N, C-alpha and C. Protein backbone atom coordinates (compact mmCIF):
# COMPACT_ATOMS: atom_id res chain seq x y z
N MET A 1 81.18 78.68 122.58
CA MET A 1 81.01 79.81 121.68
C MET A 1 81.00 79.30 120.24
N GLU A 2 79.96 79.62 119.55
CA GLU A 2 79.81 79.20 118.16
C GLU A 2 80.58 80.15 117.25
N ARG A 3 81.30 79.59 116.29
CA ARG A 3 82.05 80.40 115.33
C ARG A 3 81.20 80.56 114.07
N THR A 4 80.95 81.83 113.72
CA THR A 4 80.16 82.12 112.52
C THR A 4 81.06 82.72 111.45
N TRP A 5 80.47 83.02 110.34
CA TRP A 5 81.20 83.57 109.20
C TRP A 5 81.36 85.08 109.30
N LYS A 6 80.66 85.72 110.22
CA LYS A 6 80.62 87.19 110.26
C LYS A 6 81.98 87.86 110.50
N PRO A 7 82.78 87.41 111.47
CA PRO A 7 84.09 88.06 111.63
C PRO A 7 85.01 87.84 110.44
N THR A 8 84.89 86.69 109.80
CA THR A 8 85.71 86.42 108.62
C THR A 8 85.34 87.37 107.48
N VAL A 9 84.05 87.55 107.26
CA VAL A 9 83.61 88.46 106.20
C VAL A 9 84.01 89.90 106.55
N ALA A 10 83.86 90.28 107.81
CA ALA A 10 84.25 91.63 108.23
C ALA A 10 85.74 91.85 107.99
N GLY A 11 86.56 90.86 108.32
CA GLY A 11 88.00 90.98 108.11
C GLY A 11 88.35 91.10 106.64
N ILE A 12 87.70 90.31 105.82
CA ILE A 12 87.96 90.37 104.38
C ILE A 12 87.53 91.72 103.82
N LEU A 13 86.38 92.22 104.25
CA LEU A 13 85.91 93.53 103.79
C LEU A 13 86.87 94.65 104.22
N ASP A 14 87.37 94.55 105.45
CA ASP A 14 88.34 95.55 105.93
C ASP A 14 89.59 95.55 105.06
N ILE A 15 90.12 94.36 104.81
CA ILE A 15 91.36 94.24 104.04
C ILE A 15 91.14 94.71 102.60
N VAL A 16 90.03 94.33 102.01
CA VAL A 16 89.75 94.74 100.62
C VAL A 16 89.58 96.26 100.54
N ALA A 17 88.84 96.85 101.48
CA ALA A 17 88.64 98.30 101.46
C ALA A 17 89.97 99.03 101.63
N GLY A 18 90.79 98.58 102.57
CA GLY A 18 92.08 99.22 102.79
C GLY A 18 93.00 99.06 101.59
N ALA A 19 93.03 97.87 101.01
CA ALA A 19 93.92 97.62 99.87
C ALA A 19 93.47 98.41 98.63
N LEU A 20 92.17 98.42 98.36
CA LEU A 20 91.68 99.18 97.20
C LEU A 20 91.96 100.67 97.35
N SER A 21 91.76 101.20 98.54
CA SER A 21 92.04 102.60 98.77
C SER A 21 93.52 102.88 98.63
N PHE A 22 94.35 101.97 99.12
CA PHE A 22 95.80 102.14 99.00
C PHE A 22 96.24 102.14 97.54
N VAL A 23 95.69 101.23 96.75
CA VAL A 23 96.01 101.18 95.32
C VAL A 23 95.55 102.47 94.63
N GLY A 24 94.38 102.95 94.98
CA GLY A 24 93.90 104.22 94.43
C GLY A 24 94.80 105.37 94.82
N LEU A 25 95.30 105.33 96.03
CA LEU A 25 96.23 106.37 96.48
C LEU A 25 97.53 106.34 95.68
N ILE A 26 98.00 105.15 95.36
CA ILE A 26 99.22 105.01 94.54
C ILE A 26 98.97 105.62 93.16
N PHE A 27 97.82 105.32 92.55
CA PHE A 27 97.50 105.90 91.24
C PHE A 27 97.41 107.43 91.32
N ALA A 28 96.80 107.94 92.37
CA ALA A 28 96.70 109.39 92.54
C ALA A 28 98.09 110.01 92.69
N PHE A 29 98.95 109.34 93.44
CA PHE A 29 100.31 109.84 93.62
C PHE A 29 101.04 109.94 92.29
N PHE A 30 100.95 108.87 91.49
CA PHE A 30 101.61 108.90 90.19
C PHE A 30 100.93 109.89 89.24
N GLY A 31 99.65 110.11 89.39
CA GLY A 31 98.96 111.12 88.60
C GLY A 31 99.46 112.52 88.93
N ILE A 32 99.67 112.79 90.21
CA ILE A 32 100.20 114.09 90.61
C ILE A 32 101.61 114.27 90.07
N LEU A 33 102.42 113.20 90.15
CA LEU A 33 103.77 113.29 89.59
C LEU A 33 103.73 113.54 88.09
N ALA A 34 102.80 112.90 87.40
CA ALA A 34 102.69 113.10 85.95
C ALA A 34 102.26 114.53 85.64
N LEU A 35 101.33 115.07 86.42
CA LEU A 35 100.92 116.47 86.22
C LEU A 35 102.10 117.42 86.43
N LYS A 36 102.86 117.16 87.46
CA LYS A 36 104.01 118.01 87.74
C LYS A 36 105.05 117.90 86.63
N ALA A 37 105.30 116.68 86.12
CA ALA A 37 106.31 116.46 85.09
C ALA A 37 105.90 117.07 83.74
N THR A 38 104.61 117.05 83.45
CA THR A 38 104.14 117.56 82.16
C THR A 38 103.79 119.05 82.20
N GLY A 39 103.92 119.66 83.37
CA GLY A 39 103.61 121.07 83.49
C GLY A 39 102.17 121.35 83.83
N GLY A 40 101.41 120.31 84.15
CA GLY A 40 100.01 120.50 84.55
C GLY A 40 99.91 121.24 85.87
N ILE A 41 100.89 121.03 86.74
CA ILE A 41 101.00 121.80 87.98
C ILE A 41 102.21 122.71 87.79
N ASP A 42 101.96 123.94 87.53
CA ASP A 42 103.01 124.88 87.20
C ASP A 42 103.50 125.57 88.47
N GLN A 43 104.78 125.47 88.74
CA GLN A 43 105.35 126.11 89.93
C GLN A 43 105.34 127.63 89.82
N SER A 44 105.14 128.16 88.62
CA SER A 44 105.10 129.62 88.48
C SER A 44 103.82 130.19 89.10
N MET A 45 102.87 129.31 89.47
CA MET A 45 101.66 129.78 90.14
C MET A 45 101.98 130.29 91.54
N GLY A 46 103.16 129.99 92.01
CA GLY A 46 103.60 130.50 93.31
C GLY A 46 103.00 129.75 94.47
N ILE A 47 102.46 130.50 95.41
CA ILE A 47 101.98 129.94 96.67
C ILE A 47 100.81 128.99 96.47
N GLN A 48 99.97 129.22 95.45
CA GLN A 48 98.82 128.34 95.24
C GLN A 48 99.28 126.91 94.92
N ALA A 49 100.27 126.75 94.07
CA ALA A 49 100.74 125.41 93.72
C ALA A 49 101.38 124.74 94.93
N THR A 50 102.15 125.50 95.69
CA THR A 50 102.79 124.95 96.88
C THR A 50 101.75 124.53 97.91
N MET A 51 100.74 125.36 98.13
CA MET A 51 99.68 125.01 99.07
C MET A 51 98.91 123.78 98.60
N MET A 52 98.63 123.72 97.31
CA MET A 52 97.89 122.59 96.78
C MET A 52 98.67 121.29 96.98
N LEU A 53 99.95 121.30 96.69
CA LEU A 53 100.77 120.10 96.87
C LEU A 53 100.89 119.73 98.35
N THR A 54 100.97 120.72 99.23
CA THR A 54 101.04 120.46 100.67
C THR A 54 99.75 119.83 101.17
N ILE A 55 98.63 120.36 100.74
CA ILE A 55 97.34 119.80 101.15
C ILE A 55 97.19 118.37 100.63
N MET A 56 97.60 118.13 99.40
CA MET A 56 97.55 116.78 98.85
C MET A 56 98.44 115.83 99.66
N ALA A 57 99.59 116.28 100.07
CA ALA A 57 100.50 115.44 100.86
C ALA A 57 99.89 115.10 102.22
N VAL A 58 99.26 116.07 102.87
CA VAL A 58 98.64 115.83 104.17
C VAL A 58 97.48 114.85 104.03
N VAL A 59 96.66 115.03 103.02
CA VAL A 59 95.54 114.10 102.78
C VAL A 59 96.07 112.70 102.48
N ALA A 60 97.14 112.61 101.71
CA ALA A 60 97.72 111.31 101.38
C ALA A 60 98.25 110.61 102.62
N ILE A 61 98.90 111.34 103.51
CA ILE A 61 99.41 110.74 104.75
C ILE A 61 98.25 110.23 105.60
N PHE A 62 97.19 111.02 105.72
CA PHE A 62 96.00 110.59 106.46
C PHE A 62 95.40 109.33 105.83
N ALA A 63 95.32 109.31 104.50
CA ALA A 63 94.75 108.15 103.80
C ALA A 63 95.60 106.91 104.01
N ILE A 64 96.90 107.05 104.01
CA ILE A 64 97.78 105.90 104.24
C ILE A 64 97.55 105.33 105.64
N ILE A 65 97.44 106.21 106.63
CA ILE A 65 97.19 105.75 108.01
C ILE A 65 95.86 105.02 108.10
N VAL A 66 94.83 105.56 107.46
CA VAL A 66 93.51 104.92 107.48
C VAL A 66 93.57 103.56 106.79
N ASP A 67 94.24 103.48 105.66
CA ASP A 67 94.33 102.21 104.92
C ASP A 67 95.07 101.15 105.72
N VAL A 68 96.17 101.52 106.33
CA VAL A 68 96.93 100.56 107.14
C VAL A 68 96.11 100.11 108.34
N LEU A 69 95.40 101.04 108.97
CA LEU A 69 94.56 100.68 110.11
C LEU A 69 93.43 99.74 109.69
N ALA A 70 92.85 99.95 108.53
CA ALA A 70 91.80 99.05 108.04
C ALA A 70 92.36 97.65 107.80
N ILE A 71 93.54 97.56 107.23
CA ILE A 71 94.15 96.25 106.96
C ILE A 71 94.50 95.55 108.26
N ILE A 72 95.07 96.27 109.22
CA ILE A 72 95.41 95.66 110.51
C ILE A 72 94.15 95.21 111.24
N GLY A 73 93.12 96.04 111.23
CA GLY A 73 91.84 95.65 111.85
C GLY A 73 91.24 94.43 111.18
N GLY A 74 91.39 94.32 109.85
CA GLY A 74 90.90 93.15 109.14
C GLY A 74 91.63 91.89 109.54
N ILE A 75 92.92 92.00 109.76
CA ILE A 75 93.71 90.84 110.20
C ILE A 75 93.25 90.39 111.58
N TYR A 76 93.03 91.34 112.50
CA TYR A 76 92.55 90.98 113.83
C TYR A 76 91.14 90.39 113.78
N ALA A 77 90.31 90.87 112.87
CA ALA A 77 88.96 90.30 112.75
C ALA A 77 89.04 88.86 112.23
N LEU A 78 89.93 88.60 111.28
CA LEU A 78 90.09 87.23 110.79
C LEU A 78 90.59 86.29 111.89
N GLN A 79 91.43 86.81 112.77
CA GLN A 79 91.96 86.00 113.87
C GLN A 79 91.02 85.94 115.06
N ARG A 80 89.97 86.76 115.03
CA ARG A 80 88.99 86.86 116.12
C ARG A 80 89.68 87.26 117.43
N ARG A 81 90.60 88.22 117.34
CA ARG A 81 91.30 88.74 118.50
C ARG A 81 91.07 90.25 118.57
N ARG A 82 91.10 90.79 119.76
CA ARG A 82 91.00 92.23 120.01
C ARG A 82 89.84 92.88 119.25
N TRP A 83 88.67 92.70 119.79
CA TRP A 83 87.47 93.21 119.14
C TRP A 83 87.54 94.72 118.91
N GLY A 84 88.09 95.45 119.88
CA GLY A 84 88.17 96.91 119.73
C GLY A 84 89.01 97.33 118.54
N LEU A 85 90.14 96.63 118.34
CA LEU A 85 90.98 96.96 117.19
C LEU A 85 90.32 96.52 115.88
N ALA A 86 89.62 95.41 115.93
CA ALA A 86 88.89 94.97 114.73
C ALA A 86 87.79 95.97 114.37
N LEU A 87 87.11 96.50 115.38
CA LEU A 87 86.06 97.50 115.12
C LEU A 87 86.68 98.81 114.62
N THR A 88 87.83 99.18 115.18
CA THR A 88 88.53 100.38 114.70
C THR A 88 88.92 100.21 113.24
N GLY A 89 89.38 99.02 112.88
CA GLY A 89 89.71 98.75 111.48
C GLY A 89 88.49 98.82 110.58
N SER A 90 87.34 98.39 111.08
CA SER A 90 86.12 98.48 110.30
C SER A 90 85.69 99.93 110.09
N ILE A 91 85.89 100.75 111.12
CA ILE A 91 85.58 102.17 110.98
C ILE A 91 86.54 102.82 109.99
N ALA A 92 87.80 102.41 110.03
CA ALA A 92 88.77 102.92 109.05
C ALA A 92 88.39 102.46 107.65
N ALA A 93 87.90 101.24 107.53
CA ALA A 93 87.45 100.75 106.23
C ALA A 93 86.27 101.58 105.72
N PHE A 94 85.43 102.04 106.64
CA PHE A 94 84.32 102.92 106.26
C PHE A 94 84.84 104.22 105.65
N LEU A 95 85.93 104.75 106.22
CA LEU A 95 86.52 105.97 105.67
C LEU A 95 87.14 105.72 104.30
N ALA A 96 87.62 104.49 104.08
CA ALA A 96 88.24 104.15 102.80
C ALA A 96 87.18 103.82 101.73
N SER A 97 86.13 103.11 102.13
CA SER A 97 85.08 102.71 101.19
C SER A 97 83.77 102.57 101.96
N TRP A 98 82.84 103.45 101.72
CA TRP A 98 81.60 103.46 102.50
C TRP A 98 80.82 102.16 102.46
N PRO A 99 80.53 101.60 101.29
CA PRO A 99 79.72 100.37 101.29
C PRO A 99 80.40 99.21 102.00
N LEU A 100 81.68 99.00 101.73
CA LEU A 100 82.39 97.90 102.38
C LEU A 100 82.55 98.16 103.87
N GLY A 101 82.79 99.41 104.24
CA GLY A 101 82.97 99.76 105.64
C GLY A 101 81.72 99.59 106.47
N ILE A 102 80.58 99.97 105.91
CA ILE A 102 79.32 99.81 106.65
C ILE A 102 79.06 98.33 106.94
N ALA A 103 79.24 97.50 105.93
CA ALA A 103 79.04 96.06 106.13
C ALA A 103 80.04 95.51 107.15
N ALA A 104 81.29 95.95 107.07
CA ALA A 104 82.31 95.47 108.01
C ALA A 104 81.99 95.89 109.44
N ILE A 105 81.51 97.12 109.62
CA ILE A 105 81.15 97.59 110.97
C ILE A 105 80.02 96.74 111.53
N VAL A 106 79.00 96.49 110.71
CA VAL A 106 77.85 95.70 111.17
C VAL A 106 78.29 94.29 111.55
N PHE A 107 79.06 93.64 110.68
CA PHE A 107 79.48 92.26 110.95
C PHE A 107 80.41 92.18 112.16
N THR A 108 81.26 93.17 112.34
CA THR A 108 82.15 93.17 113.50
C THR A 108 81.37 93.41 114.79
N ALA A 109 80.45 94.35 114.75
CA ALA A 109 79.67 94.66 115.95
C ALA A 109 78.77 93.50 116.36
N VAL A 110 78.16 92.85 115.39
CA VAL A 110 77.25 91.75 115.69
C VAL A 110 78.00 90.53 116.25
N SER A 111 79.25 90.38 115.86
CA SER A 111 80.00 89.18 116.25
C SER A 111 80.94 89.44 117.42
N LYS A 112 80.63 90.40 118.27
CA LYS A 112 81.51 90.76 119.38
C LYS A 112 81.80 89.58 120.30
N ASN A 113 80.85 88.70 120.52
CA ASN A 113 81.03 87.57 121.42
C ASN A 113 82.03 86.54 120.92
N GLU A 114 82.37 86.58 119.64
CA GLU A 114 83.31 85.60 119.09
C GLU A 114 84.76 85.99 119.25
N PHE A 115 85.01 87.19 119.73
CA PHE A 115 86.39 87.67 119.89
C PHE A 115 86.92 87.33 121.28
N GLU A 116 88.25 87.17 121.35
CA GLU A 116 88.90 86.90 122.65
C GLU A 116 89.00 88.16 123.46
């Protein structure tokens, strides 16, 4: 079995997409905290503010799961182990960053024979 560069590139793209999305999520989290601290999100709005913060929390939890899955899939792609998990990580990377995710999916799918 010939070892090519494709799984390595797919793994790097997965990790980069997951990490960039995670960093963006951290900035968004601190932005929400800043809005709340400065009165940009006013609790006197009642149910609307509470619903908005709840929806943001649910989206953030989903994004964290996707980012972690992309990073784990990237690690498996670099190790050339568990093709299914590497492909799942590439799909998660697509959800985190479309351009990087599309390339990662293609490189992972094309290099299926290189995985254990």
